[in-house]
C-alpha atoms as a PDB file:
ATOM      1  CA  MET A   1      28.580 -19.915 -36.295  1.00  0.00           C
ATOM      2  CA  THR A   2      28.496 -19.236 -32.575  1.00  0.00           C
ATOM      3  CA  LYS A   3      26.365 -16.116 -32.970  1.00  0.00           C
ATOM      4  CA  LYS A   4      22.588 -16.174 -32.523  1.00  0.00           C
ATOM      5  CA  ILE A   5      21.276 -14.856 -35.850  1.00  0.00           C
ATOM      6  CA  LEU A   6      17.768 -13.577 -36.551  1.00  0.00           C
ATOM      7  CA  VAL A   7      16.504 -13.152 -40.120  1.00  0.00           C
ATOM      8  CA  THR A   8      13.581 -10.822 -40.787  1.00  0.00           C
ATOM      9  CA  GLY A   9      11.581 -11.670 -43.903  1.00  0.00           C
ATOM     10  CA  GLY A  10      12.627 -15.245 -43.229  1.00  0.00           C
ATOM     11  CA  SER A  11       9.809 -16.836 -45.222  1.00  0.00           C
ATOM     12  CA  GLY A  12      10.724 -14.984 -48.431  1.00  0.00           C
ATOM     13  CA  MET A  13      12.941 -16.064 -51.285  1.00  0.00           C
ATOM     14  CA  VAL A  14      16.289 -15.015 -49.792  1.00  0.00           C
ATOM     15  CA  GLY A  15      15.236 -16.230 -46.354  1.00  0.00           C
ATOM     16  CA  ALA A  16      14.469 -19.646 -47.819  1.00  0.00           C
ATOM     17  CA  ALA A  17      17.893 -19.690 -49.491  1.00  0.00           C
ATOM     18  CA  LEU A  18      19.561 -18.821 -46.194  1.00  0.00           C
ATOM     19  CA  GLN A  19      17.797 -21.681 -44.431  1.00  0.00           C
ATOM     20  CA  SER A  20      19.684 -24.211 -46.543  1.00  0.00           C
ATOM     21  CA  ILE A  21      23.087 -22.894 -45.405  1.00  0.00           C
ATOM     22  CA  LEU A  22      22.178 -21.410 -42.019  1.00  0.00           C
ATOM     23  CA  PRO A  23      19.606 -23.842 -40.569  1.00  0.00           C
ATOM     24  CA  ASP A  24      20.056 -22.805 -36.942  1.00  0.00           C
ATOM     25  CA  ALA A  25      19.142 -19.149 -37.421  1.00  0.00           C
ATOM     26  CA  ILE A  26      15.777 -17.725 -36.310  1.00  0.00           C
ATOM     27  CA  TYR A  27      13.551 -17.014 -39.313  1.00  0.00           C
ATOM     28  CA  ILE A  28      10.782 -14.463 -38.748  1.00  0.00           C
ATOM     29  CA  SER A  29       7.756 -14.042 -41.023  1.00  0.00           C
ATOM     30  CA  SER A  30       5.102 -11.331 -41.092  1.00  0.00           C
ATOM     31  CA  ARG A  31       2.609 -13.865 -39.751  1.00  0.00           C
ATOM     32  CA  GLU A  32       4.523 -13.901 -36.461  1.00  0.00           C
ATOM     33  CA  PHE A  33       5.401 -10.227 -36.083  1.00  0.00           C
ATOM     34  CA  ASP A  34       4.122  -7.245 -38.063  1.00  0.00           C
ATOM     35  CA  LEU A  35       7.295  -5.184 -38.127  1.00  0.00           C
ATOM     36  CA  ARG A  36       5.390  -2.066 -39.153  1.00  0.00           C
ATOM     37  CA  ASN A  37       4.155  -2.088 -35.563  1.00  0.00           C
ATOM     38  CA  PRO A  38       6.757  -1.019 -32.965  1.00  0.00           C
ATOM     39  CA  LEU A  39       5.126  -3.228 -30.333  1.00  0.00           C
ATOM     40  CA  ASP A  40       5.632  -6.278 -32.533  1.00  0.00           C
ATOM     41  CA  ALA A  41       9.220  -5.275 -33.279  1.00  0.00           C
ATOM     42  CA  GLU A  42       9.907  -4.852 -29.574  1.00  0.00           C
ATOM     43  CA  ALA A  43       8.340  -8.246 -28.850  1.00  0.00           C
ATOM     44  CA  MET A  44      10.424  -9.953 -31.531  1.00  0.00           C
ATOM     45  CA  PHE A  45      13.707  -8.714 -30.089  1.00  0.00           C
ATOM     46  CA  ALA A  46      12.653  -9.295 -26.494  1.00  0.00           C
ATOM     47  CA  THR A  47      11.657 -12.873 -27.316  1.00  0.00           C
ATOM     48  CA  HIS A  48      14.645 -13.956 -29.402  1.00  0.00           C
ATOM     49  CA  LYS A  49      17.528 -11.752 -28.183  1.00  0.00           C
ATOM     50  CA  PRO A  50      19.720 -12.123 -31.287  1.00  0.00           C
ATOM     51  CA  ASP A  51      23.414 -11.250 -31.533  1.00  0.00           C
ATOM     52  CA  TRP A  52      23.252 -10.549 -35.266  1.00  0.00           C
ATOM     53  CA  VAL A  53      20.355  -9.600 -37.565  1.00  0.00           C
ATOM     54  CA  ILE A  54      19.978 -10.118 -41.302  1.00  0.00           C
ATOM     55  CA  HIS A  55      17.253  -7.670 -42.266  1.00  0.00           C
ATOM     56  CA  LEU A  56      15.380  -8.841 -45.376  1.00  0.00           C
ATOM     57  CA  ALA A  57      11.786  -7.916 -44.518  1.00  0.00           C
ATOM     58  CA  ALA A  58      10.198  -5.515 -47.014  1.00  0.00           C
ATOM     59  CA  ARG A  59       7.107  -4.852 -49.027  1.00  0.00           C
ATOM     60  CA  VAL A  60       8.196  -5.474 -52.608  1.00  0.00           C
ATOM     61  CA  GLY A  61       6.673  -5.613 -56.075  1.00  0.00           C
ATOM     62  CA  GLY A  62       7.196  -4.931 -59.757  1.00  0.00           C
ATOM     63  CA  VAL A  63       6.662  -1.811 -61.849  1.00  0.00           C
ATOM     64  CA  LYS A  64       2.851  -2.092 -61.730  1.00  0.00           C
ATOM     65  CA  ALA A  65       2.575  -2.468 -57.957  1.00  0.00           C
ATOM     66  CA  ASN A  66       5.171   0.223 -57.263  1.00  0.00           C
ATOM     67  CA  SER A  67       3.344   2.680 -59.521  1.00  0.00           C
ATOM     68  CA  GLU A  68      -0.148   1.998 -58.173  1.00  0.00           C
ATOM     69  CA  TYR A  69       0.715   1.823 -54.466  1.00  0.00           C
ATOM     70  CA  VAL A  70       3.638   4.248 -54.254  1.00  0.00           C
ATOM     71  CA  GLY A  71       2.504   5.741 -50.924  1.00  0.00           C
ATOM     72  CA  GLU A  72       1.904   2.365 -49.321  1.00  0.00           C
ATOM     73  CA  PHE A  73       5.262   1.054 -50.501  1.00  0.00           C
ATOM     74  CA  PHE A  74       6.981   4.066 -48.964  1.00  0.00           C
ATOM     75  CA  LEU A  75       5.122   3.975 -45.654  1.00  0.00           C
ATOM     76  CA  ASP A  76       5.241   0.223 -45.059  1.00  0.00           C
ATOM     77  CA  ASN A  77       8.946   0.007 -45.790  1.00  0.00           C
ATOM     78  CA  VAL A  78       9.889   3.060 -43.745  1.00  0.00           C
ATOM     79  CA  LEU A  79       7.996   1.659 -40.757  1.00  0.00           C
ATOM     80  CA  ILE A  80       9.539  -1.813 -41.094  1.00  0.00           C
ATOM     81  CA  ASN A  81      13.071  -0.497 -41.446  1.00  0.00           C
ATOM     82  CA  THR A  82      12.813   2.129 -38.727  1.00  0.00           C
ATOM     83  CA  ASN A  83      11.493  -0.377 -36.207  1.00  0.00           C
ATOM     84  CA  VAL A  84      13.998  -3.121 -37.007  1.00  0.00           C
ATOM     85  CA  LEU A  85      16.999  -0.802 -36.676  1.00  0.00           C
ATOM     86  CA  GLU A  86      15.672   1.055 -33.640  1.00  0.00           C
ATOM     87  CA  TYR A  87      14.930  -2.100 -31.669  1.00  0.00           C
ATOM     88  CA  SER A  88      18.195  -3.661 -32.787  1.00  0.00           C
ATOM     89  CA  ARG A  89      19.839  -0.658 -31.153  1.00  0.00           C
ATOM     90  CA  ARG A  90      17.741  -0.847 -28.008  1.00  0.00           C
ATOM     91  CA  HIS A  91      18.447  -4.555 -27.591  1.00  0.00           C
ATOM     92  CA  ASN A  92      22.186  -4.152 -28.176  1.00  0.00           C
ATOM     93  CA  VAL A  93      22.375  -6.266 -31.323  1.00  0.00           C
ATOM     94  CA  GLU A  94      26.054  -6.548 -32.231  1.00  0.00           C
ATOM     95  CA  LYS A  95      25.629  -6.349 -35.987  1.00  0.00           C
ATOM     96  CA  VAL A  96      22.877  -5.795 -38.551  1.00  0.00           C
ATOM     97  CA  VAL A  97      23.170  -6.254 -42.312  1.00  0.00           C
ATOM     98  CA  SER A  98      20.239  -4.714 -44.190  1.00  0.00           C
ATOM     99  CA  LEU A  99      19.354  -5.475 -47.783  1.00  0.00           C
ATOM    100  CA  LEU A 100      18.782  -2.557 -50.154  1.00  0.00           C
ATOM    101  CA  SER A 101      18.260  -2.546 -53.952  1.00  0.00           C
ATOM    102  CA  THR A 102      19.890  -0.930 -56.986  1.00  0.00           C
ATOM    103  CA  CYS A 103      16.686   1.122 -57.327  1.00  0.00           C
ATOM    104  CA  VAL A 104      18.153   3.390 -54.616  1.00  0.00           C
ATOM    105  CA  TYR A 105      20.568   4.794 -57.188  1.00  0.00           C
ATOM    106  CA  PRO A 106      19.671   8.003 -59.037  1.00  0.00           C
ATOM    107  CA  ASP A 107      17.923   7.784 -62.374  1.00  0.00           C
ATOM    108  CA  GLU A 108      20.652   9.905 -63.940  1.00  0.00           C
ATOM    109  CA  ALA A 109      23.965   8.362 -62.952  1.00  0.00           C
ATOM    110  CA  THR A 110      27.343   7.325 -64.312  1.00  0.00           C
ATOM    111  CA  TYR A 111      27.507   3.631 -65.242  1.00  0.00           C
ATOM    112  CA  PRO A 112      28.378   1.278 -63.779  1.00  0.00           C
ATOM    113  CA  LEU A 113      26.693   2.276 -60.538  1.00  0.00           C
ATOM    114  CA  THR A 114      29.231   2.770 -57.760  1.00  0.00           C
ATOM    115  CA  GLU A 115      28.463   3.165 -54.080  1.00  0.00           C
ATOM    116  CA  ASP A 116      29.609   6.811 -53.990  1.00  0.00           C
ATOM    117  CA  GLN A 117      26.668   7.788 -56.248  1.00  0.00           C
ATOM    118  CA  PHE A 118      24.058   6.559 -53.745  1.00  0.00           C
ATOM    119  CA  HIS A 119      22.451   9.949 -52.977  1.00  0.00           C
ATOM    120  CA  ASN A 120      23.399  11.881 -56.145  1.00  0.00           C
ATOM    121  CA  GLY A 121      19.891  12.635 -57.366  1.00  0.00           C
ATOM    122  CA  SER A 122      16.369  11.240 -57.463  1.00  0.00           C
ATOM    123  CA  PRO A 123      15.642   7.575 -58.193  1.00  0.00           C
ATOM    124  CA  HIS A 124      13.618   6.459 -61.195  1.00  0.00           C
ATOM    125  CA  PRO A 125       9.988   7.725 -60.978  1.00  0.00           C
ATOM    126  CA  SER A 126       8.547   4.230 -61.509  1.00  0.00           C
ATOM    127  CA  ASN A 127       9.413   3.163 -57.938  1.00  0.00           C
ATOM    128  CA  TYR A 128      10.579   6.283 -56.138  1.00  0.00           C
ATOM    129  CA  GLY A 129       8.521   5.598 -52.995  1.00  0.00           C
ATOM    130  CA  TYR A 130      10.122   2.223 -52.414  1.00  0.00           C
ATOM    131  CA  ALA A 131      13.559   3.528 -53.442  1.00  0.00           C
ATOM    132  CA  HIS A 132      13.511   6.433 -50.980  1.00  0.00           C
ATOM    133  CA  ALA A 133      12.369   4.122 -48.183  1.00  0.00           C
ATOM    134  CA  LYS A 134      15.313   1.846 -48.949  1.00  0.00           C
ATOM    135  CA  ARG A 135      17.673   4.830 -49.018  1.00  0.00           C
ATOM    136  CA  MET A 136      16.591   5.668 -45.488  1.00  0.00           C
ATOM    137  CA  ILE A 137      17.947   2.336 -44.205  1.00  0.00           C
ATOM    138  CA  GLU A 138      21.405   3.530 -45.199  1.00  0.00           C
ATOM    139  CA  VAL A 139      20.819   6.931 -43.590  1.00  0.00           C
ATOM    140  CA  GLN A 140      19.502   5.428 -40.342  1.00  0.00           C
ATOM    141  CA  SER A 141      22.283   2.826 -40.214  1.00  0.00           C
ATOM    142  CA  ARG A 142      24.939   5.498 -40.699  1.00  0.00           C
ATOM    143  CA  ALA A 143      23.329   7.864 -38.179  1.00  0.00           C
ATOM    144  CA  TYR A 144      23.085   5.144 -35.526  1.00  0.00           C
ATOM    145  CA  ARG A 145      26.693   4.165 -36.135  1.00  0.00           C
ATOM    146  CA  GLU A 146      27.757   7.790 -35.633  1.00  0.00           C
ATOM    147  CA  GLN A 147      25.689   8.481 -32.515  1.00  0.00           C
ATOM    148  CA  TYR A 148      25.478   5.079 -30.821  1.00  0.00           C
ATOM    149  CA  GLY A 149      28.389   3.100 -32.272  1.00  0.00           C
ATOM    150  CA  CYS A 150      26.080   0.506 -33.878  1.00  0.00           C
ATOM    151  CA  ASN A 151      27.717  -1.852 -36.370  1.00  0.00           C
ATOM    152  CA  PHE A 152      24.914  -1.592 -38.927  1.00  0.00           C
ATOM    153  CA  ILE A 153      25.886  -2.252 -42.567  1.00  0.00           C
ATOM    154  CA  THR A 154      23.943  -2.152 -45.828  1.00  0.00           C
ATOM    155  CA  ALA A 155      24.220  -4.326 -48.954  1.00  0.00           C
ATOM    156  CA  ILE A 156      22.897  -3.490 -52.429  1.00  0.00           C
ATOM    157  CA  PRO A 157      21.934  -6.443 -54.641  1.00  0.00           C
ATOM    158  CA  ASN A 158      20.512  -6.125 -58.125  1.00  0.00           C
ATOM    159  CA  ASN A 159      17.438  -7.991 -59.419  1.00  0.00           C
ATOM    160  CA  LEU A 160      16.982 -11.185 -57.417  1.00  0.00           C
ATOM    161  CA  PHE A 161      15.433 -14.436 -58.554  1.00  0.00           C
ATOM    162  CA  GLY A 162      15.253 -18.033 -57.438  1.00  0.00           C
ATOM    163  CA  GLU A 163      13.101 -20.634 -55.778  1.00  0.00           C
ATOM    164  CA  ASN A 164      10.419 -19.599 -53.251  1.00  0.00           C
ATOM    165  CA  ASP A 165       9.751 -16.219 -54.858  1.00  0.00           C
ATOM    166  CA  ASN A 166       6.395 -14.395 -54.816  1.00  0.00           C
ATOM    167  CA  TYR A 167       4.499 -15.293 -58.004  1.00  0.00           C
ATOM    168  CA  ASP A 168       1.473 -13.029 -57.568  1.00  0.00           C
ATOM    169  CA  LEU A 169       0.503 -11.654 -60.991  1.00  0.00           C
ATOM    170  CA  GLU A 170      -0.322  -8.209 -59.601  1.00  0.00           C
ATOM    171  CA  ASP A 171       2.388  -7.760 -56.983  1.00  0.00           C
ATOM    172  CA  SER A 172       5.582  -9.575 -57.989  1.00  0.00           C
ATOM    173  CA  HIS A 173       8.901  -8.805 -59.626  1.00  0.00           C
ATOM    174  CA  VAL A 174       9.550  -9.315 -63.331  1.00  0.00           C
ATOM    175  CA  MET A 175      11.002 -12.839 -63.248  1.00  0.00           C
ATOM    176  CA  PRO A 176       8.306 -14.636 -61.212  1.00  0.00           C
ATOM    177  CA  ALA A 177       5.545 -12.696 -62.975  1.00  0.00           C
ATOM    178  CA  ILE A 178       6.827 -13.869 -66.361  1.00  0.00           C
ATOM    179  CA  MET A 179       6.998 -17.484 -65.160  1.00  0.00           C
ATOM    180  CA  HIS A 180       3.456 -17.415 -63.818  1.00  0.00           C
ATOM    181  CA  LYS A 181       1.966 -15.705 -66.878  1.00  0.00           C
ATOM    182  CA  MET A 182       3.756 -18.117 -69.159  1.00  0.00           C
ATOM    183  CA  LEU A 183       2.553 -21.201 -67.304  1.00  0.00           C
ATOM    184  CA  LEU A 184      -1.068 -19.995 -67.452  1.00  0.00           C
ATOM    185  CA  ALA A 185      -0.770 -19.105 -71.139  1.00  0.00           C
ATOM    186  CA  LYS A 186       0.711 -22.526 -71.871  1.00  0.00           C
ATOM    187  CA  ARG A 187      -2.058 -24.351 -70.000  1.00  0.00           C
ATOM    188  CA  ASN A 188      -4.768 -22.294 -71.699  1.00  0.00           C
ATOM    189  CA  LYS A 189      -3.080 -22.568 -75.116  1.00  0.00           C
ATOM    190  CA  GLN A 190      -2.918 -18.771 -75.378  1.00  0.00           C
ATOM    191  CA  ASN A 191      -0.374 -16.223 -76.510  1.00  0.00           C
ATOM    192  CA  MET A 192       1.410 -14.142 -73.903  1.00  0.00           C
ATOM    193  CA  LEU A 193       1.157 -10.357 -73.526  1.00  0.00           C
ATOM    194  CA  LEU A 194       3.851  -8.498 -71.575  1.00  0.00           C
ATOM    195  CA  TRP A 195       4.393  -4.843 -70.652  1.00  0.00           C
ATOM    196  CA  GLY A 196       6.862  -2.662 -72.551  1.00  0.00           C
ATOM    197  CA  ASP A 197       9.004  -3.781 -75.473  1.00  0.00           C
ATOM    198  CA  GLY A 198      11.484  -6.105 -73.777  1.00  0.00           C
ATOM    199  CA  SER A 199      14.448  -3.811 -74.372  1.00  0.00           C
ATOM    200  CA  PRO A 200      15.358  -2.789 -70.768  1.00  0.00           C
ATOM    201  CA  LEU A 201      18.552  -4.363 -69.462  1.00  0.00           C
ATOM    202  CA  ARG A 202      18.892  -5.856 -66.004  1.00  0.00           C
ATOM    203  CA  GLU A 203      21.477  -7.665 -63.918  1.00  0.00           C
ATOM    204  CA  PHE A 204      20.247 -10.701 -62.014  1.00  0.00           C
ATOM    205  CA  THR A 205      21.529 -12.478 -58.919  1.00  0.00           C
ATOM    206  CA  TYR A 206      20.451 -15.947 -57.849  1.00  0.00           C
ATOM    207  CA  SER A 207      18.985 -16.001 -54.333  1.00  0.00           C
ATOM    208  CA  ALA A 208      21.231 -18.887 -53.238  1.00  0.00           C
ATOM    209  CA  ASP A 209      24.280 -16.807 -54.187  1.00  0.00           C
ATOM    210  CA  LEU A 210      23.016 -13.781 -52.273  1.00  0.00           C
ATOM    211  CA  ALA A 211      22.541 -15.924 -49.163  1.00  0.00           C
ATOM    212  CA  LYS A 212      26.241 -16.821 -49.289  1.00  0.00           C
ATOM    213  CA  VAL A 213      27.198 -13.190 -49.853  1.00  0.00           C
ATOM    214  CA  LEU A 214      25.237 -12.092 -46.775  1.00  0.00           C
ATOM    215  CA  LEU A 215      27.111 -14.541 -44.554  1.00  0.00           C
ATOM    216  CA  PHE A 216      30.365 -13.373 -46.137  1.00  0.00           C
ATOM    217  CA  LEU A 217      29.508  -9.771 -45.210  1.00  0.00           C
ATOM    218  CA  LEU A 218      28.588 -10.663 -41.643  1.00  0.00           C
ATOM    219  CA  GLU A 219      32.052 -12.101 -41.186  1.00  0.00           C
ATOM    220  CA  ASN A 220      34.107  -9.721 -43.328  1.00  0.00           C
ATOM    221  CA  TYR A 221      32.533  -6.257 -43.695  1.00  0.00           C
ATOM    222  CA  ASP A 222      32.113  -3.583 -41.028  1.00  0.00           C
ATOM    223  CA  ASP A 223      32.258  -0.299 -42.964  1.00  0.00           C
ATOM    224  CA  PRO A 224      29.549   2.384 -42.844  1.00  0.00           C
ATOM    225  CA  ALA A 225      29.366   2.733 -46.644  1.00  0.00           C
ATOM    226  CA  PRO A 226      26.892   0.573 -48.579  1.00  0.00           C
ATOM    227  CA  ILE A 227      28.354  -2.192 -50.737  1.00  0.00           C
ATOM    228  CA  ASN A 228      27.158  -3.557 -54.086  1.00  0.00           C
ATOM    229  CA  VAL A 229      26.851  -7.346 -53.929  1.00  0.00           C
ATOM    230  CA  GLY A 230      25.038  -8.362 -57.118  1.00  0.00           C
ATOM    231  CA  ASN A 231      26.285 -10.518 -59.960  1.00  0.00           C
ATOM    232  CA  THR A 232      27.159  -8.259 -62.912  1.00  0.00           C
ATOM    233  CA  GLY A 233      26.350  -8.829 -66.581  1.00  0.00           C
ATOM    234  CA  GLU A 234      23.248  -7.405 -68.241  1.00  0.00           C
ATOM    235  CA  HIS A 235      20.407  -9.342 -69.849  1.00  0.00           C
ATOM    236  CA  SER A 236      17.472  -7.792 -71.699  1.00  0.00           C
ATOM    237  CA  ILE A 237      13.972  -8.581 -70.514  1.00  0.00           C
ATOM    238  CA  LYS A 238      13.325 -10.012 -73.982  1.00  0.00           C
ATOM    239  CA  GLU A 239      16.269 -12.397 -73.564  1.00  0.00           C
ATOM    240  CA  VAL A 240      14.986 -13.461 -70.131  1.00  0.00           C
ATOM    241  CA  VAL A 241      11.509 -14.120 -71.534  1.00  0.00           C
ATOM    242  CA  GLU A 242      12.936 -16.240 -74.359  1.00  0.00           C
ATOM    243  CA  LEU A 243      15.041 -18.281 -71.926  1.00  0.00           C
ATOM    244  CA  ILE A 244      12.062 -18.888 -69.651  1.00  0.00           C
ATOM    245  CA  ALA A 245       9.971 -19.901 -72.671  1.00  0.00           C
ATOM    246  CA  ASN A 246      12.651 -22.418 -73.593  1.00  0.00           C
ATOM    247  CA  PHE A 247      12.939 -23.837 -70.072  1.00  0.00           C
ATOM    248  CA  MET A 248       9.139 -24.048 -69.700  1.00  0.00           C
ATOM    249  CA  ASP A 249       8.521 -25.421 -73.223  1.00  0.00           C
ATOM    250  CA  PHE A 250       6.231 -22.523 -74.121  1.00  0.00           C
ATOM    251  CA  GLU A 251       5.340 -22.517 -77.816  1.00  0.00           C
ATOM    252  CA  GLY A 252       2.816 -19.661 -77.955  1.00  0.00           C
ATOM    253  CA  GLU A 253       3.453 -16.196 -79.358  1.00  0.00           C
ATOM    254  CA  ILE A 254       5.027 -13.591 -77.087  1.00  0.00           C
ATOM    255  CA  GLN A 255       3.510 -10.137 -77.627  1.00  0.00           C
ATOM    256  CA  TRP A 256       4.552  -6.781 -76.151  1.00  0.00           C
ATOM    257  CA  ASP A 257       2.212  -3.967 -75.067  1.00  0.00           C
ATOM    258  CA  THR A 258       4.327  -0.895 -75.791  1.00  0.00           C
ATOM    259  CA  SER A 259       1.652   1.401 -74.353  1.00  0.00           C
ATOM    260  CA  LYS A 260       2.636   0.147 -70.883  1.00  0.00           C
ATOM    261  CA  PRO A 261       5.734   1.338 -68.973  1.00  0.00           C
ATOM    262  CA  ALA A 262       8.851  -0.778 -69.216  1.00  0.00           C
ATOM    263  CA  GLY A 263      10.674   0.748 -66.245  1.00  0.00           C
ATOM    264  CA  GLN A 264      14.203   2.132 -66.101  1.00  0.00           C
ATOM    265  CA  TYR A 265      16.202   1.209 -69.221  1.00  0.00           C
ATOM    266  CA  ARG A 266      19.347  -0.036 -67.465  1.00  0.00           C
ATOM    267  CA  LYS A 267      21.192   0.177 -64.153  1.00  0.00           C
ATOM    268  CA  PRO A 268      24.439  -1.842 -64.279  1.00  0.00           C
ATOM    269  CA  SER A 269      26.314  -2.040 -60.984  1.00  0.00           C
ATOM    270  CA  ASP A 270      29.968  -2.235 -59.949  1.00  0.00           C
ATOM    271  CA  ASN A 271      30.737  -5.031 -57.462  1.00  0.00           C
ATOM    272  CA  SER A 272      34.516  -4.490 -57.428  1.00  0.00           C
ATOM    273  CA  LYS A 273      34.419  -3.431 -53.775  1.00  0.00           C
ATOM    274  CA  LEU A 274      32.983  -6.837 -52.814  1.00  0.00           C
ATOM    275  CA  ILE A 275      35.572  -8.668 -54.910  1.00  0.00           C
ATOM    276  CA  GLU A 276      38.420  -6.635 -53.371  1.00  0.00           C
ATOM    277  CA  LEU A 277      37.070  -7.693 -49.974  1.00  0.00           C
ATOM    278  CA  GLY A 278      37.713 -11.323 -50.942  1.00  0.00           C
ATOM    279  CA  TRP A 279      34.520 -12.538 -52.599  1.00  0.00           C
ATOM    280  CA  ASP A 280      35.294 -14.847 -55.530  1.00  0.00           C
ATOM    281  CA  PRO A 281      33.156 -13.849 -58.560  1.00  0.00           C
ATOM    282  CA  THR A 282      33.259 -17.461 -59.783  1.00  0.00           C
ATOM    283  CA  ASP A 283      31.072 -18.315 -56.786  1.00  0.00           C
ATOM    284  CA  TYR A 284      28.109 -16.725 -58.563  1.00  0.00           C
ATOM    285  CA  THR A 285      25.988 -19.366 -60.288  1.00  0.00           C
ATOM    286  CA  ASP A 286      25.806 -19.204 -64.084  1.00  0.00           C
ATOM    287  CA  PHE A 287      22.695 -17.187 -65.005  1.00  0.00           C
ATOM    288  CA  GLY A 288      21.219 -19.733 -67.408  1.00  0.00           C
ATOM    289  CA  GLU A 289      21.807 -22.605 -64.985  1.00  0.00           C
ATOM    290  CA  ALA A 290      20.203 -20.718 -62.095  1.00  0.00           C
ATOM    291  CA  LEU A 291      17.238 -19.636 -64.219  1.00  0.00           C
ATOM    292  CA  GLU A 292      16.635 -23.184 -65.407  1.00  0.00           C
ATOM    293  CA  LYS A 293      16.653 -24.410 -61.782  1.00  0.00           C
ATOM    294  CA  SER A 294      14.206 -21.660 -60.817  1.00  0.00           C
ATOM    295  CA  CYS A 295      11.820 -22.493 -63.672  1.00  0.00           C
ATOM    296  CA  LYS A 296      11.911 -26.198 -62.811  1.00  0.00           C
ATOM    297  CA  TRP A 297      11.190 -25.506 -59.145  1.00  0.00           C
ATOM    298  CA  PHE A 298       8.284 -23.259 -60.117  1.00  0.00           C
ATOM    299  CA  THR A 299       6.658 -25.733 -62.498  1.00  0.00           C
ATOM    300  CA  ASP A 300       7.232 -28.683 -60.143  1.00  0.00           C
ATOM    301  CA  THR A 301       5.799 -26.828 -57.129  1.00  0.00           C
ATOM    302  CA  TYR A 302       2.881 -24.996 -58.766  1.00  0.00           C
ATOM    303  CA  PRO A 303       0.269 -24.190 -57.464  1.00  0.00           C
ATOM    304  CA  ASP A 304       1.528 -24.722 -53.919  1.00  0.00           C
ATOM    305  CA  LEU A 305       3.601 -21.565 -53.792  1.00  0.00           C
ATOM    306  CA  ARG A 306       3.282 -17.938 -52.781  1.00  0.00           C
ATOM    307  CA  GLY A 307       1.017 -15.827 -54.988  1.00  0.00           C
ATOM    308  CA  ALA A 308      -0.245 -18.690 -57.165  1.00  0.00           C
ATOM    309  CA  LYS A 309      -3.801 -18.787 -55.794  1.00  0.00           C
END
């Protein structure tokens, strides 16, 4: 590409996936610039002067972290998003694609989730702080487009997984948390205890596939409406756990603590808008193949990875 591209959250899982297909972009981590701080956001744009921005930076976590730190998740994400979009505007960035999440959709919705249902009610109470902060990216992007003519777009993936995730046991998403707990249980010859009953259904998208989708959107999508970009097809958490156990050769007993919350039961999404735009659904990696790659990377790299120590 001839454009100068800056990626916020560049040291995260999706940022790492982008680096393999977009090596010349500028990848920003929170160690360089704290994007909650407007002075840091201003400095980042003044230093790098990008043409396009892929906005991935966020404070993220699973059900436990979202429930315990709901205020912090809201505040940190609102500050990050507000500053990135505001200073993109001030520095005349030509295009910004911001990553949202299917958690922005209302708890009570018609399935599959379509983009026109975005604001039709409150999100699930388990992560409403984070969800509302993510909703505000869409509102700010649309408002800036209307007032200033900014070409700011928003993309909605579903549950992401892949290499270079955050594996912190207290502050990670479901997939990396399961991998980490399982590895420790295997090494200590223990059984494994997980929250809920394993029944909730989720769609999962491999981080390497999302990286390709983001580049596709930069080149092909300019509409104000958000667009679903995740791979469809639901898998129960129980199924995911059993697959990971198989890939990691875990032979202990898997137990479920039904006194703990399991999160929203299901939230299937509709990616037909992306496919109509020209994305080939066969370009998504097979779920089992991608999960096996992710498990192998985790076990081969442990403990030299994020959240393992």
